[in-house]
Amino acid sequence: MITPEFVSEERGEFIFVSNHSLSSDEHVSRSIEYNRARILNARAHLPAHLSRCRLFYDVRGQNVTEDILGRLSTGLSDLCAVEIKR
């Protein structure tokens, strides 16, 4: 079952929030892999008009470098818009 945190019918988008530890390269890679699978799975089950995805990374309380944020965006930008909550 797919349950996005938010859905905007008018904008045709679904929104996920990710609050993963990004404290190591392994954690960053695992987070990207997980969210890619999550988005692809959602697209297979949600109505076709919900074609746009936004993914919010909540990194509050973590020491996240610009390099890590770049890796997140690069790893996911073909599937969704990535936004960062600091």
Protein backbone atom coordinates (compact mmCIF):
# COMPACT_ATOMS: atom_id res chain seq x y z
CA MET A 1 0.00 0.00 0.00
CA ILE A 2 1.28 3.45 -0.90
CA THR A 3 0.48 6.37 1.35
CA PRO A 4 2.11 9.67 0.42
CA GLU A 5 2.25 12.25 3.20
CA PHE A 6 0.34 14.72 1.02
CA VAL A 7 -1.50 14.67 -2.31
CA SER A 8 -2.45 17.71 -4.38
CA GLU A 9 -5.08 16.70 -6.91
CA GLU A 10 -5.02 20.17 -8.49
CA ARG A 11 -1.26 20.07 -9.06
CA GLY A 12 -1.19 16.38 -9.93
CA GLU A 13 1.48 15.70 -7.35
CA PHE A 14 2.22 13.48 -4.41
CA ILE A 15 4.65 14.34 -1.64
CA PHE A 16 6.90 12.19 0.49
CA VAL A 17 8.93 13.25 3.53
CA SER A 18 12.22 11.57 4.33
CA ASN A 19 13.90 11.84 7.72
CA HIS A 20 16.86 9.48 7.32
CA SER A 21 20.23 9.62 8.99
CA LEU A 22 22.73 10.97 6.47
CA SER A 23 25.76 10.54 8.74
CA SER A 24 27.80 8.34 6.39
CA ASP A 25 28.24 7.67 2.68
CA GLU A 26 26.50 4.33 3.19
CA HIS A 27 23.48 6.01 4.80
CA VAL A 28 23.23 8.54 1.97
CA SER A 29 23.39 5.81 -0.69
CA ARG A 30 20.82 3.70 1.17
CA SER A 31 18.48 6.69 1.50
CA ILE A 32 18.70 7.43 -2.22
CA GLU A 33 18.10 3.79 -3.12
CA TYR A 34 15.13 3.53 -0.74
CA ASN A 35 13.49 6.73 -1.98
CA ARG A 36 13.96 5.79 -5.64
CA ALA A 37 12.18 2.48 -4.99
CA ARG A 38 9.49 4.23 -2.95
CA ILE A 39 8.74 6.75 -5.73
CA LEU A 40 8.72 4.15 -8.51
CA ASN A 41 6.44 1.91 -6.47
CA ALA A 42 4.09 4.82 -5.75
CA ARG A 43 3.85 5.68 -9.44
CA ALA A 44 2.82 2.10 -10.20
CA HIS A 45 -0.08 2.28 -7.73
CA LEU A 46 -1.29 5.88 -7.64
CA PRO A 47 -3.76 7.29 -10.18
CA ALA A 48 -2.09 8.36 -13.43
CA HIS A 49 -2.93 12.05 -12.94
CA LEU A 50 -0.67 12.11 -9.85
CA SER A 51 2.44 12.11 -11.99
CA ARG A 52 4.62 14.65 -10.20
CA CYS A 53 6.56 13.87 -7.02
CA ARG A 54 8.16 16.16 -4.47
CA LEU A 55 10.42 14.72 -1.80
CA PHE A 56 11.20 16.74 1.31
CA TYR A 57 14.34 15.76 3.19
CA ASP A 58 14.06 16.80 6.83
CA VAL A 59 17.69 17.16 7.91
CA ARG A 60 17.09 19.23 11.03
CA GLY A 61 19.53 18.28 13.78
CA GLN A 62 22.03 16.75 11.36
CA ASN A 63 25.33 18.15 10.15
CA VAL A 64 24.73 17.76 6.40
CA THR A 65 27.24 19.16 3.92
CA GLU A 66 26.48 20.70 0.54
CA ASP A 67 28.17 17.67 -1.04
CA ILE A 68 25.63 15.35 0.59
CA LEU A 69 22.74 17.56 -0.49
CA GLY A 70 24.12 17.50 -4.02
CA ARG A 71 24.28 13.70 -3.96
CA LEU A 72 20.63 13.54 -2.88
CA SER A 73 19.51 15.88 -5.65
CA THR A 74 21.61 14.15 -8.32
CA GLY A 75 20.46 10.70 -7.25
CA LEU A 76 16.77 11.57 -7.28
CA SER A 77 16.23 14.49 -9.67
CA ASP A 78 15.14 12.26 -12.55
CA LEU A 79 12.20 11.06 -10.43
CA CYS A 80 11.23 13.98 -8.23
CA ALA A 81 11.88 17.50 -7.06
CA VAL A 82 14.05 17.37 -3.93
CA GLU A 83 13.54 20.02 -1.25
CA ILE A 84 15.53 20.34 1.96
CA LYS A 85 14.11 21.30 5.36
CA ARG A 86 16.88 22.56 7.66
